[in-house]
Amino acid sequence: MDTDTLNASINLVEDFQSLHATIAEDHGGDQTRSLIEYFRTPEARSLAQSSNAPLLHEAIDAYSRIVLAAWQEAHGADLRV
Protein backbone atom coordinates (compact mmCIF):
# COMPACT_ATOMS: atom_id res chain seq x y z
CA MET A 1 0.00 0.00 0.00
CA ASP A 2 1.31 3.44 -0.90
CA THR A 3 1.50 5.35 2.40
CA ASP A 4 1.75 8.69 0.61
CA THR A 5 -1.92 8.39 -0.27
CA LEU A 6 -2.83 8.18 3.41
CA ASN A 7 -1.78 11.71 4.34
CA ALA A 8 -4.41 13.19 6.61
CA SER A 9 -5.76 16.69 6.21
CA ILE A 10 -5.68 16.86 10.00
CA ASN A 11 -2.83 16.76 12.48
CA LEU A 12 -3.44 13.16 13.49
CA VAL A 13 -0.83 12.87 16.25
CA GLU A 14 -2.00 16.00 18.05
CA ASP A 15 -5.64 15.02 17.60
CA PHE A 16 -5.01 11.59 19.11
CA GLN A 17 -3.25 13.17 22.07
CA SER A 18 -6.14 15.48 22.72
CA LEU A 19 -8.98 13.45 21.25
CA HIS A 20 -11.40 14.27 24.04
CA ALA A 21 -10.80 18.01 23.69
CA THR A 22 -10.98 17.76 19.91
CA ILE A 23 -14.34 16.01 20.05
CA ALA A 24 -15.74 18.28 22.76
CA GLU A 25 -14.77 21.42 20.85
CA ASP A 26 -15.87 20.06 17.46
CA HIS A 27 -19.42 21.38 17.57
CA GLY A 28 -19.91 21.11 13.81
CA GLY A 29 -18.32 17.66 13.59
CA ASP A 30 -15.81 18.53 10.86
CA GLN A 31 -12.73 17.27 12.73
CA THR A 32 -14.54 14.10 13.79
CA ARG A 33 -15.63 13.44 10.21
CA SER A 34 -12.01 13.92 9.09
CA LEU A 35 -10.79 11.38 11.65
CA ILE A 36 -13.39 8.84 10.56
CA GLU A 37 -12.66 9.40 6.87
CA TYR A 38 -8.93 9.10 7.51
CA PHE A 39 -9.44 5.55 8.70
CA ARG A 40 -12.07 4.55 6.16
CA THR A 41 -9.79 5.31 3.21
CA PRO A 42 -7.01 2.83 4.04
CA GLU A 43 -9.64 0.39 5.32
CA ALA A 44 -11.21 0.19 1.88
CA ARG A 45 -7.82 -0.17 0.19
CA SER A 46 -6.63 -2.84 2.60
CA LEU A 47 -9.71 -4.98 2.03
CA ALA A 48 -8.64 -5.46 -1.56
CA GLN A 49 -4.92 -5.90 -0.90
CA SER A 50 -4.32 -7.85 2.29
CA SER A 51 -4.87 -11.35 3.59
CA ASN A 52 -5.26 -9.74 7.01
CA ALA A 53 -7.93 -7.44 5.65
CA PRO A 54 -10.80 -8.74 7.79
CA LEU A 55 -8.88 -8.11 11.01
CA LEU A 56 -7.71 -4.70 9.86
CA HIS A 57 -11.21 -3.82 8.72
CA GLU A 58 -12.61 -4.80 12.11
CA ALA A 59 -10.02 -2.72 14.01
CA ILE A 60 -10.45 0.39 11.89
CA ASP A 61 -14.23 0.10 11.94
CA ALA A 62 -14.16 -0.16 15.73
CA TYR A 63 -12.03 2.98 16.00
CA SER A 64 -14.42 4.88 13.74
CA ARG A 65 -17.41 3.80 15.83
CA ILE A 66 -15.67 4.84 19.06
CA VAL A 67 -14.80 8.30 17.72
CA LEU A 68 -18.34 8.76 16.39
CA ALA A 69 -19.91 7.62 19.66
CA ALA A 70 -17.64 9.93 21.65
CA TRP A 71 -18.66 12.92 19.55
CA GLN A 72 -22.34 12.06 19.83
CA GLU A 73 -22.02 11.64 23.61
CA ALA A 74 -20.16 14.93 23.97
CA HIS A 75 -22.70 16.87 21.89
CA GLY A 76 -25.91 14.99 22.59
CA ALA A 77 -26.70 14.75 18.89
CA ASP A 78 -26.16 12.47 15.91
CA LEU A 79 -23.27 13.27 13.58
CA ARG A 80 -23.90 12.66 9.92
CA VAL A 81 -20.83 11.14 8.24
C-alpha atoms as a PDB file:
ATOM      1  CA  MET A   1       0.000   0.000   0.000  1.00  0.00           C
ATOM      2  CA  ASP A   2       1.309   3.443  -0.899  1.00  0.00           C
ATOM      3  CA  THR A   3       1.496   5.353   2.395  1.00  0.00           C
ATOM      4  CA  ASP A   4       1.751   8.694   0.607  1.00  0.00           C
ATOM      5  CA  THR A   5      -1.919   8.394  -0.266  1.00  0.00           C
ATOM      6  CA  LEU A   6      -2.830   8.184   3.411  1.00  0.00           C
ATOM      7  CA  ASN A   7      -1.781  11.708   4.336  1.00  0.00           C
ATOM      8  CA  ALA A   8      -4.411  13.194   6.606  1.00  0.00           C
ATOM      9  CA  SER A   9      -5.760  16.686   6.210  1.00  0.00           C
ATOM     10  CA  ILE A  10      -5.679  16.859  10.003  1.00  0.00           C
ATOM     11  CA  ASN A  11      -2.832  16.763  12.478  1.00  0.00           C
ATOM     12  CA  LEU A  12      -3.441  13.164  13.486  1.00  0.00           C
ATOM     13  CA  VAL A  13      -0.826  12.875  16.248  1.00  0.00           C
ATOM     14  CA  GLU A  14      -2.004  15.997  18.048  1.00  0.00           C
ATOM     15  CA  ASP A  15      -5.644  15.021  17.599  1.00  0.00           C
ATOM     16  CA  PHE A  16      -5.006  11.585  19.112  1.00  0.00           C
ATOM     17  CA  GLN A  17      -3.249  13.170  22.069  1.00  0.00           C
ATOM     18  CA  SER A  18      -6.138  15.484  22.715  1.00  0.00           C
ATOM     19  CA  LEU A  19      -8.979  13.451  21.250  1.00  0.00           C
ATOM     20  CA  HIS A  20     -11.397  14.268  24.045  1.00  0.00           C
ATOM     21  CA  ALA A  21     -10.802  18.006  23.687  1.00  0.00           C
ATOM     22  CA  THR A  22     -10.982  17.757  19.908  1.00  0.00           C
ATOM     23  CA  ILE A  23     -14.343  16.013  20.051  1.00  0.00           C
ATOM     24  CA  ALA A  24     -15.736  18.284  22.761  1.00  0.00           C
ATOM     25  CA  GLU A  25     -14.767  21.419  20.847  1.00  0.00           C
ATOM     26  CA  ASP A  26     -15.874  20.058  17.456  1.00  0.00           C
ATOM     27  CA  HIS A  27     -19.424  21.383  17.567  1.00  0.00           C
ATOM     28  CA  GLY A  28     -19.913  21.112  13.812  1.00  0.00           C
ATOM     29  CA  GLY A  29     -18.321  17.663  13.590  1.00  0.00           C
ATOM     30  CA  ASP A  30     -15.812  18.531  10.860  1.00  0.00           C
ATOM     31  CA  GLN A  31     -12.732  17.272  12.727  1.00  0.00           C
ATOM     32  CA  THR A  32     -14.537  14.098  13.786  1.00  0.00           C
ATOM     33  CA  ARG A  33     -15.632  13.436  10.212  1.00  0.00           C
ATOM     34  CA  SER A  34     -12.010  13.921   9.093  1.00  0.00           C
ATOM     35  CA  LEU A  35     -10.795  11.377  11.653  1.00  0.00           C
ATOM     36  CA  ILE A  36     -13.385   8.837  10.557  1.00  0.00           C
ATOM     37  CA  GLU A  37     -12.660   9.404   6.866  1.00  0.00           C
ATOM     38  CA  TYR A  38      -8.926   9.104   7.505  1.00  0.00           C
ATOM     39  CA  PHE A  39      -9.438   5.545   8.699  1.00  0.00           C
ATOM     40  CA  ARG A  40     -12.066   4.554   6.162  1.00  0.00           C
ATOM     41  CA  THR A  41      -9.792   5.309   3.208  1.00  0.00           C
ATOM     42  CA  PRO A  42      -7.014   2.827   4.043  1.00  0.00           C
ATOM     43  CA  GLU A  43      -9.640   0.394   5.321  1.00  0.00           C
ATOM     44  CA  ALA A  44     -11.208   0.189   1.877  1.00  0.00           C
ATOM     45  CA  ARG A  45      -7.821  -0.173   0.187  1.00  0.00           C
ATOM     46  CA  SER A  46      -6.634  -2.839   2.596  1.00  0.00           C
ATOM     47  CA  LEU A  47      -9.709  -4.981   2.032  1.00  0.00           C
ATOM     48  CA  ALA A  48      -8.643  -5.457  -1.561  1.00  0.00           C
ATOM     49  CA  GLN A  49      -4.918  -5.904  -0.902  1.00  0.00           C
ATOM     50  CA  SER A  50      -4.321  -7.854   2.287  1.00  0.00           C
ATOM     51  CA  SER A  51      -4.867 -11.347   3.586  1.00  0.00           C
ATOM     52  CA  ASN A  52      -5.261  -9.736   7.011  1.00  0.00           C
ATOM     53  CA  ALA A  53      -7.928  -7.436   5.652  1.00  0.00           C
ATOM     54  CA  PRO A  54     -10.801  -8.745   7.787  1.00  0.00           C
ATOM     55  CA  LEU A  55      -8.875  -8.106  11.014  1.00  0.00           C
ATOM     56  CA  LEU A  56      -7.705  -4.697   9.862  1.00  0.00           C
ATOM     57  CA  HIS A  57     -11.208  -3.818   8.722  1.00  0.00           C
ATOM     58  CA  GLU A  58     -12.605  -4.804  12.112  1.00  0.00           C
ATOM     59  CA  ALA A  59     -10.019  -2.724  14.013  1.00  0.00           C
ATOM     60  CA  ILE A  60     -10.452   0.386  11.892  1.00  0.00           C
ATOM     61  CA  ASP A  61     -14.229   0.104  11.939  1.00  0.00           C
ATOM     62  CA  ALA A  62     -14.157  -0.162  15.733  1.00  0.00           C
ATOM     63  CA  TYR A  63     -12.034   2.977  16.000  1.00  0.00           C
ATOM     64  CA  SER A  64     -14.419   4.882  13.737  1.00  0.00           C
ATOM     65  CA  ARG A  65     -17.412   3.795  15.830  1.00  0.00           C
ATOM     66  CA  ILE A  66     -15.667   4.839  19.057  1.00  0.00           C
ATOM     67  CA  VAL A  67     -14.804   8.302  17.719  1.00  0.00           C
ATOM     68  CA  LEU A  68     -18.336   8.762  16.389  1.00  0.00           C
ATOM     69  CA  ALA A  69     -19.915   7.618  19.656  1.00  0.00           C
ATOM     70  CA  ALA A  70     -17.644   9.932  21.652  1.00  0.00           C
ATOM     71  CA  TRP A  71     -18.658  12.924  19.549  1.00  0.00           C
ATOM     72  CA  GLN A  72     -22.337  12.063  19.834  1.00  0.00           C
ATOM     73  CA  GLU A  73     -22.024  11.642  23.607  1.00  0.00           C
ATOM     74  CA  ALA A  74     -20.159  14.934  23.973  1.00  0.00           C
ATOM     75  CA  HIS A  75     -22.696  16.869  21.894  1.00  0.00           C
ATOM     76  CA  GLY A  76     -25.914  14.992  22.590  1.00  0.00           C
ATOM     77  CA  ALA A  77     -26.698  14.755  18.887  1.00  0.00           C
ATOM     78  CA  ASP A  78     -26.160  12.470  15.914  1.00  0.00           C
ATOM     79  CA  LEU A  79     -23.273  13.269  13.584  1.00  0.00           C
ATOM     80  CA  ARG A  80     -23.902  12.656   9.922  1.00  0.00           C
ATOM     81  CA  VAL A  81     -20.828  11.140   8.243  1.00  0.00           C
END
